[in-house]
Protein backbone atom coordinates (compact mmCIF):
# COMPACT_ATOMS: atom_id res chain seq x y z
CA UNK A 1 0.00 0.00 0.00
CA UNK A 2 2.84 2.38 0.88
CA UNK A 3 4.43 1.69 -2.50
CA UNK A 4 1.27 2.73 -4.37
CA UNK A 5 0.85 5.81 -2.20
CA UNK A 6 4.45 6.84 -2.88
CA UNK A 7 3.94 6.36 -6.63
CA UNK A 8 0.72 8.41 -6.51
CA UNK A 9 2.44 11.27 -4.63
CA UNK A 10 5.34 11.16 -7.10
CA UNK A 11 2.94 11.26 -10.08
CA UNK A 12 1.02 14.22 -8.62
CA UNK A 13 4.24 16.16 -7.95
CA UNK A 14 5.60 15.37 -11.42
CA UNK A 15 2.32 16.48 -13.04
CA UNK A 16 2.39 19.68 -11.00
CA UNK A 17 5.98 20.47 -12.06
CA UNK A 18 5.15 19.89 -15.74
CA UNK A 19 2.02 22.05 -15.60
CA UNK A 20 3.87 24.81 -13.73
CA UNK A 21 6.75 24.85 -16.24
CA UNK A 22 4.39 24.98 -19.22
CA UNK A 23 2.24 27.75 -17.73
CA UNK A 24 5.28 29.95 -16.99
CA UNK A 25 6.56 29.98 -20.56
CA UNK A 26 8.24 33.28 -21.36
CA UNK A 27 6.85 35.18 -24.35
CA UNK A 28 9.06 35.52 -27.40
CA UNK A 29 10.53 39.02 -27.80
CA UNK A 30 9.02 41.21 -30.54
CA UNK A 31 10.38 41.35 -34.06
CA UNK A 32 9.82 43.83 -36.85
CA UNK A 33 10.15 44.13 -40.61
CA UNK A 34 10.28 47.57 -42.19
CA UNK A 35 9.70 47.67 -45.95
CA UNK A 36 10.51 50.84 -47.89
CA UNK A 37 8.81 51.50 -51.23
CA UNK A 38 8.74 54.43 -53.65
CA UNK A 39 5.63 56.21 -54.97
CA UNK A 40 5.27 53.44 -57.59
CA UNK A 41 5.22 50.83 -54.80
CA UNK A 42 8.62 49.43 -55.84
CA UNK A 43 11.15 48.36 -53.15
CA UNK A 44 13.92 50.87 -52.43
CA UNK A 45 17.40 49.46 -51.84
CA UNK A 46 19.90 51.40 -49.73
CA UNK A 47 17.38 53.61 -47.92
CA UNK A 48 18.50 54.70 -44.44
CA UNK A 49 16.04 53.51 -41.77
CA UNK A 50 16.29 55.11 -38.33
CA UNK A 51 14.31 53.64 -35.44
CA UNK A 52 14.02 55.95 -32.45
CA UNK A 53 11.91 56.45 -29.37
CA UNK A 54 8.43 57.80 -29.95
CA UNK A 55 9.51 60.92 -28.02
CA UNK A 56 13.01 61.58 -29.40
CA UNK A 57 13.36 64.75 -27.31
CA UNK A 58 13.75 62.74 -24.13
CA UNK A 59 17.27 62.63 -22.72
CA UNK A 60 16.80 59.00 -21.67
CA UNK A 61 15.84 57.41 -24.98
CA UNK A 62 17.24 53.97 -25.67
CA UNK A 63 16.40 51.45 -28.39
CA UNK A 64 16.42 47.95 -26.88
CA UNK A 65 17.41 45.47 -29.58
CA UNK A 66 17.54 41.82 -28.58
CA UNK A 67 21.31 41.65 -28.01
CA UNK A 68 22.18 45.29 -27.34
CA UNK A 69 20.86 48.67 -26.30
CA UNK A 70 21.51 51.67 -28.53
CA UNK A 71 21.30 55.19 -27.18
CA UNK A 72 18.89 57.50 -29.01
CA UNK A 73 18.43 55.56 -32.29
CA UNK A 74 19.37 52.59 -34.46
CA UNK A 75 20.34 53.16 -38.11
CA UNK A 76 20.30 50.47 -40.80
CA UNK A 77 19.98 50.31 -44.60
CA UNK A 78 17.43 48.41 -46.66
CA UNK A 79 18.39 45.34 -48.67
CA UNK A 80 17.57 44.67 -52.35
CA UNK A 81 13.94 43.92 -51.41
CA UNK A 82 13.66 47.25 -49.57
CA UNK A 83 13.54 45.50 -46.18
CA UNK A 84 15.21 45.84 -42.79
CA UNK A 85 14.75 43.17 -40.09
CA UNK A 86 14.82 43.78 -36.33
CA UNK A 87 14.83 41.66 -33.17
CA UNK A 88 13.82 43.71 -30.15
CA UNK A 89 14.00 42.97 -26.44
CA UNK A 90 10.80 44.61 -25.13
CA UNK A 91 7.36 45.66 -26.23
CA UNK A 92 7.46 49.34 -27.23
CA UNK A 93 6.36 51.98 -29.68
CA UNK A 94 9.07 53.43 -31.91
CA UNK A 95 9.14 56.14 -34.55
CA UNK A 96 10.68 55.19 -37.91
CA UNK A 97 12.28 57.75 -40.23
CA UNK A 98 13.44 56.74 -43.71
CA UNK A 99 15.71 58.75 -46.02
CA UNK A 100 16.98 57.95 -49.51
CA UNK A 101 19.62 60.23 -50.99
CA UNK A 102 19.51 61.68 -54.49
CA UNK A 103 20.49 59.33 -57.27
CA UNK A 104 20.49 59.32 -61.06
CA UNK A 105 16.78 58.42 -61.19
CA UNK A 106 15.66 60.81 -58.44
CA UNK A 107 17.10 64.33 -58.22
CA UNK A 108 15.56 64.94 -54.77
CA UNK A 109 16.08 63.45 -51.33
CA UNK A 110 13.07 61.27 -50.51
CA UNK A 111 11.75 60.64 -47.02
CA UNK A 112 9.06 58.70 -45.21
CA UNK A 113 7.71 58.25 -41.68
CA UNK A 114 6.15 55.37 -39.83
CA UNK A 115 5.45 53.89 -36.41
CA UNK A 116 6.38 50.45 -35.08
CA UNK A 117 4.10 49.02 -32.40
CA UNK A 118 5.90 46.04 -30.90
CA UNK A 119 4.19 43.19 -29.05
CA UNK A 120 5.68 40.02 -27.61
CA UNK A 121 5.19 36.86 -29.68
CA UNK A 122 4.53 38.97 -32.81
CA UNK A 123 6.36 40.38 -35.82
CA UNK A 124 5.34 43.95 -36.59
CA UNK A 125 5.40 44.63 -40.33
CA UNK A 126 5.14 48.14 -41.74
CA UNK A 127 5.58 49.54 -45.22
CA UNK A 128 6.80 53.11 -45.56
CA UNK A 129 6.43 55.01 -48.81
CA UNK A 130 9.11 57.60 -49.45
CA UNK A 131 8.65 60.76 -51.49
CA UNK A 132 10.26 64.17 -51.91
CA UNK A 133 7.45 65.96 -50.02
CA UNK A 134 7.85 64.38 -46.56
CA UNK A 135 9.54 66.56 -43.94
CA UNK A 136 10.74 65.39 -40.51
CA UNK A 137 9.80 67.49 -37.47
C-alpha atoms as a PDB file:
ATOM      1  CA  UNK A   1       0.000   0.000   0.000  1.00  0.00           C
ATOM      2  CA  UNK A   2       2.835   2.379   0.877  1.00  0.00           C
ATOM      3  CA  UNK A   3       4.430   1.692  -2.502  1.00  0.00           C
ATOM      4  CA  UNK A   4       1.267   2.735  -4.375  1.00  0.00           C
ATOM      5  CA  UNK A   5       0.847   5.808  -2.203  1.00  0.00           C
ATOM      6  CA  UNK A   6       4.448   6.843  -2.884  1.00  0.00           C
ATOM      7  CA  UNK A   7       3.942   6.363  -6.633  1.00  0.00           C
ATOM      8  CA  UNK A   8       0.721   8.405  -6.507  1.00  0.00           C
ATOM      9  CA  UNK A   9       2.437  11.265  -4.632  1.00  0.00           C
ATOM     10  CA  UNK A  10       5.336  11.160  -7.099  1.00  0.00           C
ATOM     11  CA  UNK A  11       2.939  11.259 -10.082  1.00  0.00           C
ATOM     12  CA  UNK A  12       1.024  14.220  -8.615  1.00  0.00           C
ATOM     13  CA  UNK A  13       4.239  16.156  -7.955  1.00  0.00           C
ATOM     14  CA  UNK A  14       5.599  15.375 -11.424  1.00  0.00           C
ATOM     15  CA  UNK A  15       2.324  16.484 -13.042  1.00  0.00           C
ATOM     16  CA  UNK A  16       2.390  19.685 -10.998  1.00  0.00           C
ATOM     17  CA  UNK A  17       5.980  20.468 -12.062  1.00  0.00           C
ATOM     18  CA  UNK A  18       5.152  19.889 -15.735  1.00  0.00           C
ATOM     19  CA  UNK A  19       2.019  22.051 -15.598  1.00  0.00           C
ATOM     20  CA  UNK A  20       3.872  24.810 -13.729  1.00  0.00           C
ATOM     21  CA  UNK A  21       6.746  24.850 -16.239  1.00  0.00           C
ATOM     22  CA  UNK A  22       4.387  24.978 -19.223  1.00  0.00           C
ATOM     23  CA  UNK A  23       2.241  27.746 -17.732  1.00  0.00           C
ATOM     24  CA  UNK A  24       5.279  29.952 -16.991  1.00  0.00           C
ATOM     25  CA  UNK A  25       6.563  29.976 -20.559  1.00  0.00           C
ATOM     26  CA  UNK A  26       8.242  33.281 -21.357  1.00  0.00           C
ATOM     27  CA  UNK A  27       6.848  35.176 -24.347  1.00  0.00           C
ATOM     28  CA  UNK A  28       9.064  35.525 -27.403  1.00  0.00           C
ATOM     29  CA  UNK A  29      10.529  39.019 -27.804  1.00  0.00           C
ATOM     30  CA  UNK A  30       9.019  41.205 -30.535  1.00  0.00           C
ATOM     31  CA  UNK A  31      10.380  41.346 -34.062  1.00  0.00           C
ATOM     32  CA  UNK A  32       9.822  43.826 -36.855  1.00  0.00           C
ATOM     33  CA  UNK A  33      10.154  44.127 -40.606  1.00  0.00           C
ATOM     34  CA  UNK A  34      10.275  47.572 -42.189  1.00  0.00           C
ATOM     35  CA  UNK A  35       9.701  47.669 -45.949  1.00  0.00           C
ATOM     36  CA  UNK A  36      10.510  50.844 -47.886  1.00  0.00           C
ATOM     37  CA  UNK A  37       8.809  51.502 -51.227  1.00  0.00           C
ATOM     38  CA  UNK A  38       8.739  54.430 -53.655  1.00  0.00           C
ATOM     39  CA  UNK A  39       5.628  56.213 -54.973  1.00  0.00           C
ATOM     40  CA  UNK A  40       5.268  53.444 -57.592  1.00  0.00           C
ATOM     41  CA  UNK A  41       5.223  50.825 -54.796  1.00  0.00           C
ATOM     42  CA  UNK A  42       8.615  49.430 -55.837  1.00  0.00           C
ATOM     43  CA  UNK A  43      11.148  48.364 -53.153  1.00  0.00           C
ATOM     44  CA  UNK A  44      13.920  50.867 -52.429  1.00  0.00           C
ATOM     45  CA  UNK A  45      17.396  49.458 -51.837  1.00  0.00           C
ATOM     46  CA  UNK A  46      19.898  51.404 -49.734  1.00  0.00           C
ATOM     47  CA  UNK A  47      17.384  53.611 -47.922  1.00  0.00           C
ATOM     48  CA  UNK A  48      18.501  54.698 -44.443  1.00  0.00           C
ATOM     49  CA  UNK A  49      16.045  53.511 -41.775  1.00  0.00           C
ATOM     50  CA  UNK A  50      16.286  55.109 -38.326  1.00  0.00           C
ATOM     51  CA  UNK A  51      14.308  53.638 -35.435  1.00  0.00           C
ATOM     52  CA  UNK A  52      14.020  55.952 -32.448  1.00  0.00           C
ATOM     53  CA  UNK A  53      11.911  56.451 -29.371  1.00  0.00           C
ATOM     54  CA  UNK A  54       8.426  57.805 -29.949  1.00  0.00           C
ATOM     55  CA  UNK A  55       9.508  60.920 -28.017  1.00  0.00           C
ATOM     56  CA  UNK A  56      13.011  61.577 -29.405  1.00  0.00           C
ATOM     57  CA  UNK A  57      13.359  64.747 -27.309  1.00  0.00           C
ATOM     58  CA  UNK A  58      13.751  62.736 -24.125  1.00  0.00           C
ATOM     59  CA  UNK A  59      17.274  62.633 -22.717  1.00  0.00           C
ATOM     60  CA  UNK A  60      16.800  58.995 -21.674  1.00  0.00           C
ATOM     61  CA  UNK A  61      15.845  57.413 -24.984  1.00  0.00           C
ATOM     62  CA  UNK A  62      17.245  53.971 -25.666  1.00  0.00           C
ATOM     63  CA  UNK A  63      16.399  51.454 -28.385  1.00  0.00           C
ATOM     64  CA  UNK A  64      16.415  47.950 -26.882  1.00  0.00           C
ATOM     65  CA  UNK A  65      17.412  45.471 -29.575  1.00  0.00           C
ATOM     66  CA  UNK A  66      17.544  41.819 -28.581  1.00  0.00           C
ATOM     67  CA  UNK A  67      21.306  41.650 -28.015  1.00  0.00           C
ATOM     68  CA  UNK A  68      22.177  45.290 -27.335  1.00  0.00           C
ATOM     69  CA  UNK A  69      20.860  48.665 -26.299  1.00  0.00           C
ATOM     70  CA  UNK A  70      21.514  51.673 -28.529  1.00  0.00           C
ATOM     71  CA  UNK A  71      21.296  55.194 -27.177  1.00  0.00           C
ATOM     72  CA  UNK A  72      18.886  57.499 -29.012  1.00  0.00           C
ATOM     73  CA  UNK A  73      18.433  55.555 -32.293  1.00  0.00           C
ATOM     74  CA  UNK A  74      19.366  52.585 -34.464  1.00  0.00           C
ATOM     75  CA  UNK A  75      20.336  53.156 -38.106  1.00  0.00           C
ATOM     76  CA  UNK A  76      20.296  50.469 -40.799  1.00  0.00           C
ATOM     77  CA  UNK A  77      19.976  50.308 -44.597  1.00  0.00           C
ATOM     78  CA  UNK A  78      17.426  48.408 -46.661  1.00  0.00           C
ATOM     79  CA  UNK A  79      18.392  45.339 -48.666  1.00  0.00           C
ATOM     80  CA  UNK A  80      17.567  44.669 -52.347  1.00  0.00           C
ATOM     81  CA  UNK A  81      13.941  43.919 -51.412  1.00  0.00           C
ATOM     82  CA  UNK A  82      13.662  47.249 -49.570  1.00  0.00           C
ATOM     83  CA  UNK A  83      13.542  45.503 -46.181  1.00  0.00           C
ATOM     84  CA  UNK A  84      15.209  45.839 -42.790  1.00  0.00           C
ATOM     85  CA  UNK A  85      14.750  43.173 -40.090  1.00  0.00           C
ATOM     86  CA  UNK A  86      14.823  43.782 -36.329  1.00  0.00           C
ATOM     87  CA  UNK A  87      14.835  41.660 -33.174  1.00  0.00           C
ATOM     88  CA  UNK A  88      13.824  43.713 -30.149  1.00  0.00           C
ATOM     89  CA  UNK A  89      14.000  42.969 -26.442  1.00  0.00           C
ATOM     90  CA  UNK A  90      10.802  44.606 -25.130  1.00  0.00           C
ATOM     91  CA  UNK A  91       7.362  45.660 -26.227  1.00  0.00           C
ATOM     92  CA  UNK A  92       7.455  49.335 -27.232  1.00  0.00           C
ATOM     93  CA  UNK A  93       6.355  51.980 -29.681  1.00  0.00           C
ATOM     94  CA  UNK A  94       9.071  53.433 -31.912  1.00  0.00           C
ATOM     95  CA  UNK A  95       9.137  56.144 -34.546  1.00  0.00           C
ATOM     96  CA  UNK A  96      10.677  55.189 -37.914  1.00  0.00           C
ATOM     97  CA  UNK A  97      12.281  57.748 -40.231  1.00  0.00           C
ATOM     98  CA  UNK A  98      13.437  56.742 -43.715  1.00  0.00           C
ATOM     99  CA  UNK A  99      15.708  58.750 -46.017  1.00  0.00           C
ATOM    100  CA  UNK A 100      16.981  57.954 -49.506  1.00  0.00           C
ATOM    101  CA  UNK A 101      19.623  60.226 -50.993  1.00  0.00           C
ATOM    102  CA  UNK A 102      19.511  61.680 -54.488  1.00  0.00           C
ATOM    103  CA  UNK A 103      20.491  59.327 -57.267  1.00  0.00           C
ATOM    104  CA  UNK A 104      20.491  59.316 -61.061  1.00  0.00           C
ATOM    105  CA  UNK A 105      16.783  58.416 -61.189  1.00  0.00           C
ATOM    106  CA  UNK A 106      15.664  60.809 -58.445  1.00  0.00           C
ATOM    107  CA  UNK A 107      17.102  64.331 -58.225  1.00  0.00           C
ATOM    108  CA  UNK A 108      15.559  64.937 -54.770  1.00  0.00           C
ATOM    109  CA  UNK A 109      16.077  63.446 -51.328  1.00  0.00           C
ATOM    110  CA  UNK A 110      13.071  61.267 -50.511  1.00  0.00           C
ATOM    111  CA  UNK A 111      11.745  60.642 -47.018  1.00  0.00           C
ATOM    112  CA  UNK A 112       9.064  58.705 -45.211  1.00  0.00           C
ATOM    113  CA  UNK A 113       7.714  58.253 -41.679  1.00  0.00           C
ATOM    114  CA  UNK A 114       6.152  55.370 -39.827  1.00  0.00           C
ATOM    115  CA  UNK A 115       5.455  53.891 -36.408  1.00  0.00           C
ATOM    116  CA  UNK A 116       6.383  50.452 -35.077  1.00  0.00           C
ATOM    117  CA  UNK A 117       4.100  49.020 -32.403  1.00  0.00           C
ATOM    118  CA  UNK A 118       5.904  46.043 -30.897  1.00  0.00           C
ATOM    119  CA  UNK A 119       4.195  43.190 -29.054  1.00  0.00           C
ATOM    120  CA  UNK A 120       5.682  40.021 -27.613  1.00  0.00           C
ATOM    121  CA  UNK A 121       5.192  36.857 -29.683  1.00  0.00           C
ATOM    122  CA  UNK A 122       4.530  38.975 -32.811  1.00  0.00           C
ATOM    123  CA  UNK A 123       6.365  40.380 -35.815  1.00  0.00           C
ATOM    124  CA  UNK A 124       5.342  43.950 -36.592  1.00  0.00           C
ATOM    125  CA  UNK A 125       5.395  44.630 -40.329  1.00  0.00           C
ATOM    126  CA  UNK A 126       5.141  48.143 -41.743  1.00  0.00           C
ATOM    127  CA  UNK A 127       5.582  49.543 -45.222  1.00  0.00           C
ATOM    128  CA  UNK A 128       6.796  53.110 -45.557  1.00  0.00           C
ATOM    129  CA  UNK A 129       6.427  55.010 -48.808  1.00  0.00           C
ATOM    130  CA  UNK A 130       9.115  57.597 -49.448  1.00  0.00           C
ATOM    131  CA  UNK A 131       8.648  60.763 -51.495  1.00  0.00           C
ATOM    132  CA  UNK A 132      10.263  64.175 -51.913  1.00  0.00           C
ATOM    133  CA  UNK A 133       7.453  65.964 -50.019  1.00  0.00           C
ATOM    134  CA  UNK A 134       7.849  64.384 -46.560  1.00  0.00           C
ATOM    135  CA  UNK A 135       9.538  66.557 -43.938  1.00  0.00           C
ATOM    136  CA  UNK A 136      10.736  65.392 -40.505  1.00  0.00           C
ATOM    137  CA  UNK A 137       9.800  67.491 -37.468  1.00  0.00           C
END
